[in-house]
Amino acid sequence: MGEKILIVEDIFIEANNLQMIMERAGYTVSGIAASVEVALQMVEQDTPDFVLIDIYLKGKQTGIDLARILRQRNIAFIYLSANSTKQTLDQAKATFPYGFLVKPFREREVLVTLEIARYLHANSLEALLRKGTAEPHPHTIQDLRVHGIVGDSPQLQRILQHLLIVAPADTSVLITGESGTGKEKMAELIHRLSDRASRPLIKVNCAAMSTELIESLLFGHEKGSFTGAVERRIGKFEQANGGTIFLDEIGEMPLEVQVKLLRVLQEREIERIGAARPLKVDVRIISATSRDLEKEVAEGRFRMDFYYRLNVFPLHLPPLRERREDVPALIRHFLELHCRNLGKPPVTVTQKVIEMLTHYSWPGNIRELENLIERATLMCEGNTISYIALPEKIDYMPLPKDDRIKTIQENEREHIIRVLRRCNGKIFGKGGAAELLSMNVSTLNYRIRKLGINKDELHLPG
């Protein structure tokens, strides 16, 4: 081992304790500093491999100020702090640390965090990007279109460049983004472009797992290990051995399960319930969440050490409203896809509809767009879609996270009711709702029955 560690801590007892932990583990402590000024002098004299930094130090400068300088010099650092408020985490996150130790901490926590930091530093985004420029990936961004990746926006191109770099690197990936942005598709693509492509990709929806059964589901159990265990069960991690496991909605995972998974990530072994000995597994971890995990950590719902284990290589997928230039290409892609799936001849869409959809805010992101195009394709009775029902007010701003997003059916129901009121309840003939909606009368009547629209809701005069 022998890496040099600089400790930046202004409380002597804490610094001395850290030094003893480091030296017992085989690290070399190059110095102890109580302020940023002294720490920078020590860095100039003997560049350390890692720096442990307390956030609040003597003097005007904080550990976060020091971290910014270390980041510029490509020196790995870990924060030490008794304060894990949301504000502190936000400031710390902006410096891209390699770990975060919350006081008081145990010896094993310190050593595990250092192990993670070593791995993160060796496999950081910058390091992988450097490797990527030196060793070009056999696939190109154009090749990804075969896998249903559609769009030419700068945001998407940057994501795909990073994806091509990380796919063969076998490192853990955390995919973040709002619901419906395509996190699962990105996970599938990383697996397909990796050396594990011929091995299984096992998907686990963490939000759908029962806390009582999760250990058996993930790690398996032996016959007779508990009441109801009538046969041996192979868990998800064992099924994924040699391949990839995709942990979707990882932010929903209960704390007690996070502890068990952290051990799997650290030791690379699982233990079936009732088994006599652990079993080594070779599994790549890809996880995804629509939650703000830093906020979850700050509020005590997500373990910080587990977060840093997962967040080795982050990929953030922007919402569709931030890459509107991709909407026309996505519309054409989904039209072709669903015409083929439905066995229909090719269908086009008018430029007016494209412009309307491009300016819509898409709170449900790509998933909402695909569902809308699928329904429009199904209902289209000619070869051109000239109208698609959207909410009356087009919202250009993202909806607050606490607001419930209406379903497409709810939006369609409200829109048909508005049109019927405008037509005074008239469905067919000149100026009727069917004409305004560009729908066949029988189709509109079917939708009215299907959506449960009744005359009383229209509040017609007389």
Protein backbone atom coordinates (compact mmCIF):
# COMPACT_ATOMS: atom_id res chain seq x y z
CA MET A 1 0.00 0.00 0.00
CA GLY A 2 2.22 2.85 1.28
CA GLU A 3 0.23 5.80 -0.12
CA LYS A 4 0.96 9.15 1.48
CA ILE A 5 -1.88 10.73 3.44
CA LEU A 6 -2.12 14.37 4.49
CA ILE A 7 -4.51 15.00 7.40
CA VAL A 8 -6.09 18.47 7.56
CA GLU A 9 -7.82 18.62 10.95
CA ASP A 10 -7.65 21.34 13.63
CA ILE A 11 -8.68 19.12 16.57
CA PHE A 12 -5.55 17.34 17.79
CA ILE A 13 -7.31 14.28 19.25
CA GLU A 14 -9.17 13.64 15.98
CA ALA A 15 -6.02 14.12 13.89
CA ASN A 16 -3.96 11.86 16.15
CA ASN A 17 -6.62 9.16 16.04
CA LEU A 18 -6.68 9.29 12.24
CA GLN A 19 -2.90 9.09 12.08
CA MET A 20 -2.85 5.92 14.18
CA ILE A 21 -5.55 4.35 12.01
CA MET A 22 -3.63 5.20 8.84
CA GLU A 23 -0.28 3.93 10.07
CA ARG A 24 -1.74 0.67 11.42
CA ALA A 25 -3.21 0.04 7.96
CA GLY A 26 0.13 0.62 6.23
CA TYR A 27 -0.38 4.17 4.99
CA THR A 28 2.27 6.88 5.41
CA VAL A 29 1.07 10.10 7.07
CA SER A 30 3.01 12.88 5.38
CA GLY A 31 1.79 15.53 7.82
CA ILE A 32 -1.00 17.08 9.89
CA ALA A 33 -2.26 20.60 9.20
CA ALA A 34 -4.73 22.69 11.19
CA SER A 35 -5.42 25.28 8.47
CA VAL A 36 -5.65 25.57 4.70
CA GLU A 37 -2.56 27.78 4.59
CA VAL A 38 -0.39 25.18 6.35
CA ALA A 39 -1.91 22.36 4.30
CA LEU A 40 -0.99 24.07 1.01
CA GLN A 41 2.58 24.51 2.20
CA MET A 42 2.77 20.77 2.97
CA VAL A 43 1.31 19.90 -0.43
CA GLU A 44 4.03 21.99 -2.11
CA GLN A 45 6.78 20.26 -0.11
CA ASP A 46 5.56 16.67 -0.50
CA THR A 47 2.55 15.95 -2.74
CA PRO A 48 0.26 13.43 -1.00
CA ASP A 49 -1.76 10.69 -2.67
CA PHE A 50 -4.83 11.45 -0.56
CA VAL A 51 -5.93 14.29 1.71
CA LEU A 52 -8.39 13.93 4.60
CA ILE A 53 -10.01 17.34 5.09
CA ASP A 54 -12.15 18.65 7.92
CA ILE A 55 -14.61 21.16 6.48
CA TYR A 56 -14.36 23.73 9.29
CA LEU A 57 -10.76 24.71 10.08
CA LYS A 58 -8.78 27.47 11.77
CA GLY A 59 -8.42 30.62 9.69
CA LYS A 60 -10.63 32.23 7.09
CA GLN A 61 -10.52 29.42 4.55
CA THR A 62 -12.52 26.22 4.87
CA GLY A 63 -11.82 22.67 3.82
CA ILE A 64 -14.05 23.27 0.79
CA ASP A 65 -11.69 26.06 -0.33
CA LEU A 66 -8.79 23.61 -0.05
CA ALA A 67 -10.72 20.94 -1.94
CA ARG A 68 -11.17 23.23 -4.94
CA ILE A 69 -7.39 23.64 -5.16
CA LEU A 70 -6.76 19.92 -4.75
CA ARG A 71 -9.25 19.16 -7.50
CA GLN A 72 -7.32 21.43 -9.88
CA ARG A 73 -4.13 19.54 -9.00
CA ASN A 74 -5.80 16.12 -9.42
CA ILE A 75 -5.16 15.13 -5.79
CA ALA A 76 -7.83 12.87 -4.29
CA PHE A 77 -9.51 14.09 -1.10
CA ILE A 78 -12.06 12.91 1.45
CA TYR A 79 -14.12 15.19 3.65
CA LEU A 80 -14.31 14.82 7.44
CA SER A 81 -17.20 16.55 9.13
CA ALA A 82 -19.63 16.39 12.03
CA ASN A 83 -22.02 18.51 9.97
CA SER A 84 -23.97 16.71 7.24
CA THR A 85 -26.68 19.27 6.54
CA LYS A 86 -28.10 19.69 3.04
CA GLN A 87 -26.26 22.99 2.60
CA THR A 88 -22.92 21.44 3.57
CA LEU A 89 -23.46 18.47 1.27
CA ASP A 90 -24.37 20.75 -1.63
CA GLN A 91 -21.19 22.79 -1.17
CA ALA A 92 -19.10 19.65 -0.77
CA LYS A 93 -20.70 17.96 -3.77
CA ALA A 94 -19.72 20.88 -6.00
CA THR A 95 -16.04 20.00 -5.44
CA PHE A 96 -16.56 16.35 -6.48
CA PRO A 97 -14.99 14.64 -3.43
CA TYR A 98 -13.84 11.03 -3.39
CA GLY A 99 -15.56 10.30 -0.09
CA PHE A 100 -17.24 11.80 2.96
CA LEU A 101 -16.70 10.63 6.54
CA VAL A 102 -19.20 11.80 9.13
CA LYS A 103 -17.89 12.10 12.69
CA PRO A 104 -17.74 10.10 14.86
CA PHE A 105 -16.41 7.33 12.63
CA ARG A 106 -14.99 3.88 13.23
CA GLU A 107 -11.66 2.58 11.98
CA ARG A 108 -13.23 0.24 9.44
CA GLU A 109 -15.34 3.09 8.00
CA VAL A 110 -12.20 5.17 7.47
CA LEU A 111 -10.33 2.35 5.75
CA VAL A 112 -13.26 1.34 3.54
CA THR A 113 -13.76 4.98 2.50
CA LEU A 114 -10.09 5.20 1.56
CA GLU A 115 -10.39 2.01 -0.49
CA ILE A 116 -13.35 3.53 -2.32
CA ALA A 117 -11.42 6.78 -2.85
CA ARG A 118 -8.52 4.87 -4.37
CA TYR A 119 -10.89 3.12 -6.76
CA LEU A 120 -12.76 6.31 -7.59
CA HIS A 121 -9.56 8.21 -8.30
CA ALA A 122 -8.23 5.46 -10.57
CA ASN A 123 -11.59 5.18 -12.36
CA SER A 124 -12.74 8.78 -12.20
CA LEU A 125 -14.52 10.45 -15.09
CA GLU A 126 -11.35 12.37 -15.89
CA ALA A 127 -9.22 9.21 -15.78
CA LEU A 128 -11.64 7.27 -17.95
CA LEU A 129 -11.90 10.17 -20.38
CA ARG A 130 -8.11 10.17 -20.66
CA LYS A 131 -8.15 6.43 -21.31
CA GLY A 132 -10.98 6.97 -23.79
CA THR A 133 -8.98 9.43 -25.86
CA ALA A 134 -5.97 7.11 -25.86
CA GLU A 135 -7.91 3.93 -26.63
CA PRO A 136 -10.87 4.63 -28.94
CA HIS A 137 -13.96 2.51 -28.36
CA PRO A 138 -14.83 0.19 -31.27
CA HIS A 139 -18.36 1.63 -31.33
CA THR A 140 -19.35 5.15 -32.37
CA ILE A 141 -22.27 7.39 -31.48
CA GLN A 142 -23.77 6.62 -34.90
CA ASP A 143 -23.77 2.91 -34.02
CA LEU A 144 -26.02 3.64 -31.05
CA ARG A 145 -28.94 4.51 -33.32
CA VAL A 146 -29.30 0.78 -33.95
CA HIS A 147 -30.20 0.47 -30.26
CA GLY A 148 -32.97 3.07 -30.41
CA ILE A 149 -30.95 6.09 -29.25
CA VAL A 150 -32.48 9.03 -31.09
CA GLY A 151 -31.44 12.70 -31.16
CA ASP A 152 -28.61 15.05 -32.01
CA SER A 153 -28.82 17.58 -29.16
CA PRO A 154 -25.50 18.54 -27.50
CA GLN A 155 -26.77 17.18 -24.16
CA LEU A 156 -27.46 13.74 -25.63
CA GLN A 157 -24.19 13.65 -27.59
CA ARG A 158 -22.20 14.35 -24.42
CA ILE A 159 -24.01 11.56 -22.54
CA LEU A 160 -23.32 9.11 -25.36
CA GLN A 161 -19.63 10.04 -25.47
CA HIS A 162 -19.37 9.26 -21.74
CA LEU A 163 -21.38 6.09 -22.19
CA LEU A 164 -19.01 4.80 -24.87
CA ILE A 165 -16.11 5.41 -22.49
CA VAL A 166 -17.60 3.82 -19.39
CA ALA A 167 -19.28 0.82 -21.06
CA PRO A 168 -16.12 -1.30 -21.43
CA ALA A 169 -14.52 -0.01 -18.20
CA ASP A 170 -16.42 -2.43 -15.90
CA THR A 171 -16.90 0.29 -13.30
CA SER A 172 -20.09 1.00 -11.32
CA VAL A 173 -22.46 3.51 -12.92
CA LEU A 174 -25.19 5.60 -11.28
CA ILE A 175 -27.77 6.90 -13.77
CA THR A 176 -29.88 9.82 -12.53
CA GLY A 177 -32.74 11.71 -14.07
CA GLU A 178 -36.46 12.28 -13.91
CA SER A 179 -38.91 9.45 -14.45
CA GLY A 180 -39.30 8.64 -18.14
CA THR A 181 -35.90 9.94 -19.33
CA GLY A 182 -34.65 6.51 -20.46
CA LYS A 183 -32.49 5.32 -17.55
CA GLU A 184 -33.27 1.65 -18.14
CA LYS A 185 -32.44 1.90 -21.85
CA MET A 186 -29.07 3.48 -20.99
CA ALA A 187 -28.34 0.64 -18.55
CA GLU A 188 -29.17 -1.91 -21.26
CA LEU A 189 -26.87 -0.11 -23.69
CA ILE A 190 -23.95 -0.04 -21.24
CA HIS A 191 -24.33 -3.80 -20.79
CA ARG A 192 -24.54 -4.47 -24.54
CA LEU A 193 -21.35 -2.50 -25.21
CA SER A 194 -19.41 -4.11 -22.35
CA ASP A 195 -17.30 -7.26 -22.27
CA ARG A 196 -20.15 -8.82 -20.27
CA ALA A 197 -22.63 -8.56 -23.15
CA SER A 198 -22.81 -12.35 -23.60
CA ARG A 199 -23.66 -12.82 -19.92
CA PRO A 200 -26.97 -12.00 -18.17
CA LEU A 201 -28.36 -8.54 -17.49
CA ILE A 202 -30.59 -8.95 -14.43
CA LYS A 203 -33.01 -6.10 -13.66
CA VAL A 204 -34.28 -5.40 -10.15
CA ASN A 205 -36.92 -2.77 -9.35
CA CYS A 206 -36.01 -1.76 -5.81
CA ALA A 207 -39.28 0.13 -5.34
CA ALA A 208 -41.31 -3.03 -5.95
CA MET A 209 -39.47 -5.25 -3.46
CA SER A 210 -40.89 -6.24 -0.09
CA THR A 211 -38.47 -5.55 2.77
CA GLU A 212 -39.30 -8.95 4.28
CA LEU A 213 -38.46 -10.86 1.09
CA ILE A 214 -35.72 -8.69 -0.39
CA GLU A 215 -32.79 -10.63 1.08
CA SER A 216 -34.10 -13.89 -0.36
CA LEU A 217 -34.82 -12.21 -3.70
CA LEU A 218 -31.35 -10.68 -4.03
CA PHE A 219 -29.17 -13.34 -2.41
CA GLY A 220 -31.29 -16.52 -2.51
CA HIS A 221 -31.94 -19.12 0.19
CA GLU A 222 -31.38 -22.77 0.95
CA LYS A 223 -34.18 -25.31 1.22
CA GLY A 224 -35.59 -25.36 4.75
CA SER A 225 -33.78 -22.18 5.82
CA PHE A 226 -37.11 -20.68 6.97
CA THR A 227 -40.80 -21.52 7.00
CA GLY A 228 -41.99 -21.75 3.41
CA ALA A 229 -38.52 -22.35 1.92
CA VAL A 230 -39.50 -25.62 0.25
CA GLU A 231 -36.66 -25.51 -2.28
CA ARG A 232 -33.39 -23.73 -2.93
CA ARG A 233 -33.77 -20.30 -4.53
CA ILE A 234 -31.05 -18.67 -6.62
CA GLY A 235 -30.95 -14.91 -5.95
CA LYS A 236 -30.63 -12.08 -8.45
CA PHE A 237 -26.93 -11.51 -7.77
CA GLU A 238 -26.12 -15.16 -8.39
CA GLN A 239 -28.21 -15.11 -11.58
CA ALA A 240 -26.17 -12.11 -12.75
CA ASN A 241 -22.80 -13.74 -12.01
CA GLY A 242 -20.38 -12.83 -14.80
CA GLY A 243 -22.82 -10.22 -16.09
CA THR A 244 -24.54 -7.06 -14.91
CA ILE A 245 -27.21 -6.30 -12.32
CA PHE A 246 -29.36 -3.22 -12.83
CA LEU A 247 -30.77 -1.81 -9.58
CA ASP A 248 -33.56 0.51 -10.69
CA GLU A 249 -35.01 3.10 -8.28
CA ILE A 250 -32.17 2.47 -5.84
CA GLY A 251 -33.29 5.53 -3.86
CA GLU A 252 -36.35 3.56 -2.68
CA MET A 253 -34.27 0.87 -0.99
CA PRO A 254 -34.73 0.63 2.83
CA LEU A 255 -31.72 1.45 5.02
CA GLU A 256 -31.45 -2.06 6.44
CA VAL A 257 -31.17 -3.47 2.91
CA GLN A 258 -28.60 -0.84 1.95
CA VAL A 259 -26.32 -2.22 4.68
CA LYS A 260 -26.51 -5.74 3.25
CA LEU A 261 -25.89 -4.53 -0.31
CA LEU A 262 -22.95 -2.40 0.81
CA ARG A 263 -21.28 -5.53 2.12
CA VAL A 264 -21.85 -7.27 -1.22
CA LEU A 265 -20.26 -4.34 -3.05
CA GLN A 266 -17.28 -4.29 -0.69
CA GLU A 267 -16.62 -8.01 -0.37
CA ARG A 268 -17.91 -9.12 -3.79
CA GLU A 269 -19.61 -12.08 -2.18
CA ILE A 270 -23.13 -13.06 -1.22
CA GLU A 271 -24.55 -15.46 1.32
CA ARG A 272 -27.73 -17.38 0.64
CA ILE A 273 -30.05 -17.49 3.65
CA GLY A 274 -29.24 -20.71 5.47
CA ALA A 275 -25.99 -21.34 3.55
CA ALA A 276 -22.90 -22.64 5.33
CA ARG A 277 -20.46 -20.36 3.53
CA PRO A 278 -20.49 -17.21 1.37
CA LEU A 279 -20.32 -17.35 -2.41
CA LYS A 280 -18.07 -15.12 -4.52
CA VAL A 281 -19.81 -13.26 -7.34
CA ASP A 282 -18.45 -11.29 -10.28
CA VAL A 283 -21.14 -8.72 -11.03
CA ARG A 284 -21.08 -5.23 -12.48
CA ILE A 285 -23.43 -2.80 -10.73
CA ILE A 286 -25.52 -0.27 -12.65
CA SER A 287 -28.05 1.64 -10.56
CA ALA A 288 -30.60 4.32 -11.34
CA THR A 289 -32.74 6.77 -9.42
CA SER A 290 -35.12 9.65 -10.00
CA ARG A 291 -34.47 10.89 -6.44
CA ASP A 292 -31.94 13.46 -5.23
CA LEU A 293 -29.65 11.05 -3.39
CA GLU A 294 -27.58 13.84 -1.82
CA LYS A 295 -30.77 15.11 -0.19
CA GLU A 296 -31.67 11.57 0.87
CA VAL A 297 -28.22 11.23 2.48
CA ALA A 298 -28.56 14.57 4.27
CA GLU A 299 -31.96 13.59 5.65
CA GLY A 300 -30.76 10.19 6.85
CA ARG A 301 -32.66 8.02 4.37
CA PHE A 302 -29.67 6.88 2.33
CA ARG A 303 -26.26 5.74 3.57
CA MET A 304 -23.40 7.99 2.53
CA ASP A 305 -20.92 5.12 2.16
CA PHE A 306 -23.41 3.21 -0.01
CA TYR A 307 -23.95 6.32 -2.15
CA TYR A 308 -20.24 6.70 -2.83
CA ARG A 309 -19.95 3.00 -3.67
CA LEU A 310 -22.64 3.38 -6.33
CA ASN A 311 -21.68 6.81 -7.66
CA VAL A 312 -18.33 5.85 -9.21
CA PHE A 313 -19.28 7.10 -12.68
CA PRO A 314 -22.40 9.31 -12.75
CA LEU A 315 -24.55 9.71 -15.86
CA HIS A 316 -27.28 12.34 -15.62
CA LEU A 317 -30.07 12.20 -18.21
CA PRO A 318 -31.65 15.62 -18.84
CA PRO A 319 -35.44 15.97 -19.07
CA LEU A 320 -36.91 16.16 -22.56
CA ARG A 321 -37.82 19.84 -22.12
CA GLU A 322 -34.07 20.58 -21.96
CA ARG A 323 -33.39 18.87 -25.31
CA ARG A 324 -36.41 20.00 -27.33
CA GLU A 325 -34.48 19.80 -30.59
CA ASP A 326 -34.65 15.99 -30.26
CA VAL A 327 -38.48 15.92 -30.16
CA PRO A 328 -39.09 15.83 -33.99
CA ALA A 329 -36.67 12.92 -34.43
CA LEU A 330 -38.26 11.07 -31.51
CA ILE A 331 -41.73 11.60 -33.01
CA ARG A 332 -40.64 10.08 -36.32
CA HIS A 333 -38.91 7.21 -34.53
CA PHE A 334 -41.98 6.31 -32.46
CA LEU A 335 -44.31 6.66 -35.45
CA GLU A 336 -42.22 4.17 -37.42
CA LEU A 337 -41.90 1.84 -34.42
CA HIS A 338 -45.61 1.71 -33.57
CA CYS A 339 -46.82 1.52 -37.18
CA ARG A 340 -44.62 -1.56 -37.52
CA ASN A 341 -45.81 -3.03 -34.19
CA LEU A 342 -49.48 -2.38 -35.03
CA GLY A 343 -49.17 -3.67 -38.59
CA LYS A 344 -50.30 -0.33 -40.03
CA PRO A 345 -49.05 1.45 -43.16
CA PRO A 346 -46.67 4.39 -42.57
CA VAL A 347 -48.21 7.40 -40.82
CA THR A 348 -46.92 10.97 -40.97
CA VAL A 349 -47.59 13.97 -38.75
CA THR A 350 -48.18 17.58 -39.76
CA GLN A 351 -45.60 20.28 -39.11
CA LYS A 352 -48.12 22.09 -36.89
CA VAL A 353 -48.36 19.05 -34.62
CA ILE A 354 -44.56 18.72 -34.51
CA GLU A 355 -44.24 22.36 -33.47
CA MET A 356 -46.92 21.94 -30.81
CA LEU A 357 -45.23 18.85 -29.37
CA THR A 358 -41.81 20.50 -29.48
CA HIS A 359 -43.05 23.37 -27.32
CA TYR A 360 -44.82 21.16 -24.79
CA SER A 361 -43.03 20.78 -21.43
CA TRP A 362 -43.21 16.94 -21.29
CA PRO A 363 -43.49 16.36 -17.53
CA GLY A 364 -43.50 12.61 -18.28
CA ASN A 365 -40.46 12.95 -20.57
CA ILE A 366 -39.74 10.44 -23.37
CA ARG A 367 -42.10 7.84 -21.91
CA GLU A 368 -44.99 10.31 -22.12
CA LEU A 369 -44.10 11.20 -25.72
CA GLU A 370 -43.94 7.55 -26.76
CA ASN A 371 -47.28 6.73 -25.12
CA LEU A 372 -48.92 9.72 -26.81
CA ILE A 373 -47.54 8.79 -30.25
CA GLU A 374 -48.58 5.16 -29.80
CA ARG A 375 -52.15 6.19 -29.00
CA ALA A 376 -52.27 8.71 -31.87
CA THR A 377 -50.98 6.04 -34.27
CA LEU A 378 -53.61 3.58 -33.07
CA MET A 379 -56.45 6.12 -33.46
CA CYS A 380 -55.32 7.55 -36.81
CA GLU A 381 -57.72 6.45 -39.57
CA GLY A 382 -55.79 7.91 -42.49
CA ASN A 383 -52.10 8.31 -43.12
CA THR A 384 -51.60 11.72 -41.45
CA ILE A 385 -51.94 12.80 -37.83
CA SER A 386 -53.15 16.41 -37.88
CA TYR A 387 -54.14 16.79 -34.23
CA ILE A 388 -53.01 15.41 -30.86
CA ALA A 389 -54.76 16.28 -27.60
CA LEU A 390 -52.53 18.00 -25.03
CA PRO A 391 -53.33 19.81 -21.78
CA GLU A 392 -55.05 23.17 -22.47
CA LYS A 393 -52.19 25.14 -20.95
CA ILE A 394 -48.76 24.32 -22.34
CA ASP A 395 -46.34 24.60 -19.46
CA TYR A 396 -42.79 25.50 -20.44
CA MET A 397 -41.49 25.10 -16.88
CA PRO A 398 -40.91 21.83 -15.00
CA LEU A 399 -43.69 20.91 -12.63
CA PRO A 400 -42.95 21.02 -8.89
CA LYS A 401 -41.95 17.56 -7.67
CA ASP A 402 -44.89 17.42 -5.28
CA ASP A 403 -47.48 17.97 -8.04
CA ARG A 404 -49.21 14.84 -9.33
CA ILE A 405 -48.75 14.39 -13.05
CA LYS A 406 -52.01 13.65 -14.85
CA THR A 407 -52.17 10.57 -17.03
CA ILE A 408 -52.61 10.82 -20.80
CA GLN A 409 -56.15 9.42 -20.38
CA GLU A 410 -57.03 12.16 -17.88
CA ASN A 411 -55.69 14.85 -20.20
CA GLU A 412 -57.58 13.36 -23.16
CA ARG A 413 -60.81 13.17 -21.14
CA GLU A 414 -60.56 16.83 -20.10
CA HIS A 415 -59.81 17.91 -23.66
CA ILE A 416 -62.79 16.05 -25.17
CA ILE A 417 -65.08 17.56 -22.51
CA ARG A 418 -63.82 21.08 -23.38
CA VAL A 419 -64.46 20.48 -27.10
CA LEU A 420 -67.94 19.07 -26.43
CA ARG A 421 -68.80 22.13 -24.34
CA ARG A 422 -67.57 24.38 -27.13
CA CYS A 423 -69.82 22.48 -29.59
CA ASN A 424 -72.76 22.58 -27.16
CA GLY A 425 -72.69 18.78 -27.04
CA LYS A 426 -72.84 18.31 -30.83
CA ILE A 427 -70.76 15.28 -31.91
CA PHE A 428 -71.25 14.85 -35.68
CA GLY A 429 -71.92 17.19 -38.61
CA LYS A 430 -70.49 20.58 -39.50
CA GLY A 431 -68.86 22.21 -36.46
CA GLY A 432 -69.29 19.06 -34.36
CA ALA A 433 -66.72 17.71 -31.94
CA ALA A 434 -65.69 14.90 -34.30
CA GLU A 435 -64.81 17.45 -37.00
CA LEU A 436 -62.86 19.67 -34.58
CA LEU A 437 -60.95 16.67 -33.22
CA SER A 438 -60.33 15.21 -36.72
CA MET A 439 -61.87 11.94 -35.53
CA ASN A 440 -64.38 9.53 -36.98
CA VAL A 441 -67.78 9.86 -35.22
CA SER A 442 -67.78 6.21 -34.17
CA THR A 443 -64.25 6.55 -32.78
CA LEU A 444 -65.22 9.64 -30.77
CA ASN A 445 -68.32 7.91 -29.40
CA TYR A 446 -66.15 4.96 -28.38
CA ARG A 447 -63.68 7.28 -26.60
CA ILE A 448 -66.54 9.07 -24.81
CA ARG A 449 -67.85 5.73 -23.50
CA LYS A 450 -64.35 4.45 -22.71
CA LEU A 451 -63.44 7.58 -20.73
CA GLY A 452 -66.79 7.61 -18.90
CA ILE A 453 -67.85 11.08 -20.08
CA ASN A 454 -71.50 11.78 -19.34
CA LYS A 455 -73.84 14.61 -20.33
CA ASP A 456 -74.09 16.04 -16.82
CA GLU A 457 -70.36 16.87 -16.88
CA LEU A 458 -70.78 19.12 -19.90
CA HIS A 459 -72.99 21.64 -18.01
CA LEU A 460 -74.80 22.53 -21.22
CA PRO A 461 -77.40 25.34 -21.18
CA GLY A 462 -81.10 24.40 -21.16
